[in-house]
Every structure is written in structure tokens, then in C-alpha cells.
């Protein structure tokens, strides 16, 4: 359809130009945190007692620059060194749901309020997952959660933690790491966002708004649950999902359903699920998925409830 092709092209270009300053800022932030060795801060959190470790694990999970797969070596090392599953689960649930770069892109694409709520929800999900797991462990569940053989080959002694170096400009290797990470992330985001804006343009054009409203526009519990359930198979990428969700909201999707969709999709998407399954036994894996779906649904329902009062 030639007319639609040009319209989609212009939509993609305008959208990319709008979002690129935020993409560059988020890429530089992610590059700096990785070059400085911010992951070492995460490792130190787990040195605390279980109750305290769960709280800070959930907090740092939502604020750390890790994706669900990138954090696997650290998680593997922590499990191999005997860190309680409850604290690890708090971090594992909250980490893929939000990070500093995603906060910037989400704020630009959907709005600061939604990005803030998603961050708070990620922390809440981490706390919910951590303390729920802690309670079950008190009753004897998950006493031996890890796949020992896989962990022994993944850890490689990486439990040795050092202090982050925030003055990266004094170290040429860290500066190089900043440049490489930032450039790779800009290219990665540009690729996914371009594809996402293509899909958004076609979705806005060809999917009737009344259909989306009837499917995902209601504020009932089932609407939010449905959004969480479909978030897993259709979820693309935490960043690529931003313009798609913005288009869904524009066509009538409630903010609570959108939140549930993004949280469930990021936590239990196929890459995240495979990463979890590679390290833990089936019972823990099923518990992980249940936590993701339940927590995401609760967060969406709560967000809709708050918005209805305001």
C-alpha cells in the first residue's frame, strides 16, 4: 500500500527523532554504570541478613542496569556461594522490569508518571517475590533450588567482589568500555525502536480502536489479567515495548493493563524464562512464573484503582 508506506515512514522518522536524545542519554548512563563496575554494588547487597538483603535486592534490582540475561553470571555465582534464594528471587524479579535507561525511554515514550509507577511496581514485585519465597522456605520449600552442575560451571569464582570505580575517566580501559557499551546500546535501541514504531504505525492504522477498547479497555480484574497473560508471548523488548504500549494506550488500553502487560512481559519473557530455567529446578522456575504473573496483575489492578480515585 504505497500511501501507507509513506505515512509509516514519516511516522517512524518523526518518532525516532523525538526519542533519540533520550536514547543517547540512556545509553551513556548504562555505559557509565557498566564501566564503573556498578554490578559490584549488587553483589554486596547479598552479604546482609536475609530480611535486609531482600529489601535492598528488590531496590537495586529495579535501579541496576542489568537485563534478565546479563545478570546470570552474577546470580550463578551468588547461588553457588550459598546466598538464600529469597534474596536472589527479589533481585531476579525486579531487575528485568526496570533499569535507569528504560526509565528514561519510558518517560519519553509514555510519560513520567507511568515510568515512575513502573519503577515502584518493579520494587514492589521484588519485595513480594522475595518475602513470599522467604516464607515458603521457612516451611521447607526450595531447600535445594539450584542445578548444581550448571552453577559450578557458570560461577568460575566470580564471587570475589571489588569496589566500583566511579572516576572512569582516569582509566583508559574503562573509558573504552564506556564508548563501546554506549555505542552498542544506541545501535541496539535504534534497531528495536525503529521496528517498534513500524509496528505501532501499522497497529494504529489497521487495528480498530473499538476492538482494543473492548479487549483491554475495561478496568476489571480479568482485563488486567488478560493483559499480563498475553504480555509473555507478544513481548519484544523492554525498550521496543514502549512505543507499542503507547499506541495501545492511545487506542483505549487502560494504564493498569498496560503496566501489567509490560511487567509480565519483561519478567517472564522467553529470554528471561530461559535464563532462570538454566539455573534452577523446575519447582523454582514454576514459582518464578507464578510470581511474575500474580505480581504484575496485582500491580495493574492497584494502578487502575488509584487512577479511578484521582
Foldseek 3Di string as FASTA:
>chain_A
DVVLVVVLVVLLVVVCVQQLVLLLVLLLVLLLCVLQPVVLVLLVLLVDPLVSSLLVLLLVLQAPSDALQRCLLVLLQCVLVPRDPLSVLLSNQLNLQHYPSLLSLLCSQARNVLSVLSSVLSSVLSSVSSVVVVVVVVVPPPPPWWPVVLSVVRHPVVSDGDHGHSPSVVPPVSVVSSVVSSVVSSVVLSVLQSVLSSVLSCCLVPPQLVVLCVQAQDLDLVSLLVLLVVLAPPPDGSNSVRNVLNSSVVSRHDSLSSQLSSSSNRSRHPVSLVSVPSITDPVVSVSSNVSSSVSSSVSSNVVSVVVVVD
